[in-house]
């Protein structure tokens, strides 16, 4: 059974100026599509130009984005974040939403520098990217301080915050 999620605050996003990093696939791609459906002005970025062309040309424009531009960039290159932000500001005249969806450096001390474990976590796609992306956009548009997807992660975070010593016990050697 497919569940359709309805978002009633679309007017708060229509015309918004949005920069989405990591937008060539996965959640970043789906976020670009949702912003397009809501009539936003979008700049998308990722490392590969082919994926960006596909997202821009074949989807965002057809879905109703007021404006779509793309720029390639590798956020791990020290010069690229500034260049991408400048490009977005030039194209859009400002930013209302900044979606940082790229994979960056990660602390791996918790896993004893086990890169295979980290790789597995990064490749895991347990939840539909479209639903996760819409949940994040809804939280931003309604000015929520936090977004939890799926919903039960709210309780996971409460447990972590209420009982920090358990986390310390689990992470200690």
Protein backbone atom coordinates (compact mmCIF):
# COMPACT_ATOMS: atom_id res chain seq x y z
CA UNK A 1 0.00 0.00 0.00
CA UNK A 2 1.46 3.35 -1.05
CA UNK A 3 0.95 6.23 1.32
CA UNK A 4 0.71 9.73 -0.12
CA UNK A 5 1.99 12.50 2.14
CA UNK A 6 0.18 15.84 1.79
CA UNK A 7 1.98 19.07 2.64
CA UNK A 8 -0.27 22.06 3.22
CA UNK A 9 2.36 24.83 3.56
CA UNK A 10 3.37 24.95 -0.09
CA UNK A 11 2.78 28.70 -0.36
CA UNK A 12 5.55 29.34 2.16
CA UNK A 13 7.99 27.74 -0.29
CA UNK A 14 6.69 29.14 -3.60
CA UNK A 15 9.35 31.50 -4.91
CA UNK A 16 11.83 30.59 -2.15
CA UNK A 17 15.52 30.64 -3.15
CA UNK A 18 17.08 27.26 -2.40
CA UNK A 19 20.55 25.75 -2.71
CA UNK A 20 20.69 21.93 -2.46
CA UNK A 21 24.06 20.18 -2.24
CA UNK A 22 24.44 16.51 -3.13
CA UNK A 23 21.47 16.88 -5.47
CA UNK A 24 22.37 14.39 -8.21
CA UNK A 25 20.81 11.36 -6.48
CA UNK A 26 19.15 10.06 -3.33
CA UNK A 27 17.63 12.41 -0.77
CA UNK A 28 19.26 15.49 -2.35
CA UNK A 29 17.67 14.69 -5.71
CA UNK A 30 14.29 14.11 -4.06
CA UNK A 31 14.56 17.37 -2.12
CA UNK A 32 15.21 19.23 -5.37
CA UNK A 33 12.08 17.61 -6.86
CA UNK A 34 9.93 18.57 -3.89
CA UNK A 35 11.15 22.16 -3.92
CA UNK A 36 10.43 22.20 -7.67
CA UNK A 37 6.87 20.95 -7.12
CA UNK A 38 6.34 23.76 -4.64
CA UNK A 39 7.52 26.38 -7.16
CA UNK A 40 10.87 27.31 -5.64
CA UNK A 41 13.88 28.84 -7.38
CA UNK A 42 16.64 26.26 -7.08
CA UNK A 43 20.39 25.91 -7.50
CA UNK A 44 21.56 22.32 -7.29
CA UNK A 45 25.11 21.12 -6.91
CA UNK A 46 27.00 17.83 -6.83
CA UNK A 47 30.32 16.52 -8.06
CA UNK A 48 29.05 15.08 -11.35
CA UNK A 49 27.55 17.19 -14.10
CA UNK A 50 25.60 14.35 -15.77
CA UNK A 51 23.43 13.74 -12.71
CA UNK A 52 22.80 17.45 -12.28
CA UNK A 53 21.71 17.82 -15.90
CA UNK A 54 19.25 14.95 -15.47
CA UNK A 55 17.78 16.41 -12.29
CA UNK A 56 17.58 19.93 -13.73
CA UNK A 57 16.52 19.31 -17.30
CA UNK A 58 14.33 16.29 -17.01
CA UNK A 59 12.60 16.82 -13.73
CA UNK A 60 12.81 20.12 -11.86
CA UNK A 61 11.72 22.27 -14.79
CA UNK A 62 8.84 19.93 -15.63
CA UNK A 63 7.75 19.75 -11.99
CA UNK A 64 7.26 23.51 -11.79
CA UNK A 65 10.39 25.12 -10.41
CA UNK A 66 10.38 28.85 -11.17
CA UNK A 67 14.09 28.71 -11.96
CA UNK A 68 16.70 25.95 -11.90
CA UNK A 69 20.47 26.29 -12.22
CA UNK A 70 23.24 23.88 -11.47
CA UNK A 71 26.92 24.09 -10.69
CA UNK A 72 29.35 21.25 -10.13
CA UNK A 73 31.38 21.29 -6.97
CA UNK A 74 33.16 19.05 -4.53
CA UNK A 75 32.41 20.29 -1.02
CA UNK A 76 35.60 18.65 0.27
CA UNK A 77 37.65 21.00 -1.92
CA UNK A 78 38.30 24.11 0.23
CA UNK A 79 37.57 26.49 -2.66
CA UNK A 80 34.32 24.95 -3.89
CA UNK A 81 31.88 25.83 -1.06
CA UNK A 82 32.59 29.55 -1.44
CA UNK A 83 32.35 29.30 -5.23
CA UNK A 84 29.04 27.42 -5.07
CA UNK A 85 27.52 29.86 -2.56
CA UNK A 86 28.63 32.83 -4.68
CA UNK A 87 27.10 31.18 -7.77
CA UNK A 88 23.80 30.60 -5.95
CA UNK A 89 23.69 34.16 -4.64
CA UNK A 90 24.41 35.53 -8.12
CA UNK A 91 21.74 33.34 -9.76
CA UNK A 92 19.05 33.73 -7.10
CA UNK A 93 19.81 37.10 -5.52
CA UNK A 94 19.95 35.57 -2.04
CA UNK A 95 19.10 32.35 -0.22
CA UNK A 96 16.08 31.39 1.85
CA UNK A 97 16.97 27.72 2.34
CA UNK A 98 20.36 26.02 2.34
CA UNK A 99 20.18 22.21 2.19
CA UNK A 100 23.56 20.68 3.05
CA UNK A 101 23.11 17.14 1.83
CA UNK A 102 26.63 16.25 0.78
CA UNK A 103 28.75 13.58 2.42
CA UNK A 104 31.63 15.13 4.28
CA UNK A 105 34.25 14.07 6.78
CA UNK A 106 32.96 11.87 9.53
CA UNK A 107 34.32 11.06 12.95
CA UNK A 108 34.94 7.35 13.10
CA UNK A 109 36.36 6.94 16.59
CA UNK A 110 33.17 5.22 17.71
CA UNK A 111 33.89 2.39 15.26
CA UNK A 112 37.64 2.15 15.84
CA UNK A 113 38.29 3.59 12.39
CA UNK A 114 36.55 0.69 10.68
CA UNK A 115 36.07 2.18 7.22
CA UNK A 116 34.06 -0.82 6.01
CA UNK A 117 31.48 -0.17 8.71
CA UNK A 118 31.24 3.51 7.75
CA UNK A 119 30.94 2.59 4.06
CA UNK A 120 28.09 0.24 4.90
CA UNK A 121 26.30 2.93 6.89
CA UNK A 122 26.66 5.43 4.06
CA UNK A 123 25.28 2.99 1.49
CA UNK A 124 22.31 1.93 3.60
CA UNK A 125 19.05 3.19 2.12
CA UNK A 126 16.42 1.94 4.52
CA UNK A 127 13.77 4.62 3.98
CA UNK A 128 12.28 6.06 0.79
CA UNK A 129 14.31 9.12 -0.16
CA UNK A 130 11.24 11.02 -1.35
CA UNK A 131 9.45 10.69 1.99
CA UNK A 132 12.57 11.61 3.95
CA UNK A 133 13.15 14.66 1.75
CA UNK A 134 9.55 15.87 2.16
CA UNK A 135 9.79 15.44 5.92
CA UNK A 136 12.90 17.64 6.01
CA UNK A 137 11.31 20.30 3.78
CA UNK A 138 8.13 20.37 5.88
CA UNK A 139 10.16 20.89 9.03
CA UNK A 140 12.04 23.80 7.46
CA UNK A 141 8.97 25.45 5.99
CA UNK A 142 7.09 25.28 9.27
CA UNK A 143 10.15 26.53 11.17
CA UNK A 144 10.50 23.41 13.30
CA UNK A 145 13.73 23.23 15.28
CA UNK A 146 14.24 19.55 14.43
CA UNK A 147 13.00 16.97 11.96
CA UNK A 148 12.70 13.28 12.74
CA UNK A 149 12.25 10.74 9.98
CA UNK A 150 10.90 8.24 10.46
CA UNK A 151 8.84 9.56 13.35
CA UNK A 152 10.06 7.05 15.95
CA UNK A 153 13.56 8.57 15.88
CA UNK A 154 12.09 11.33 18.01
CA UNK A 155 11.94 8.86 20.90
CA UNK A 156 15.44 7.59 20.15
CA UNK A 157 16.76 11.13 20.50
CA UNK A 158 14.79 11.77 23.68
CA UNK A 159 16.29 8.64 25.22
CA UNK A 160 19.75 9.81 24.18
CA UNK A 161 19.19 13.26 25.70
CA UNK A 162 17.54 12.05 28.92
CA UNK A 163 20.05 9.30 29.64
CA UNK A 164 23.42 10.43 28.28
CA UNK A 165 25.32 8.11 30.60
CA UNK A 166 23.95 5.08 28.72
CA UNK A 167 25.47 6.40 25.50
CA UNK A 168 28.76 6.91 27.32
CA UNK A 169 28.63 3.34 28.65
CA UNK A 170 27.95 1.94 25.19
CA UNK A 171 30.76 3.92 23.59
CA UNK A 172 33.39 3.33 26.23
CA UNK A 173 36.00 0.65 25.71
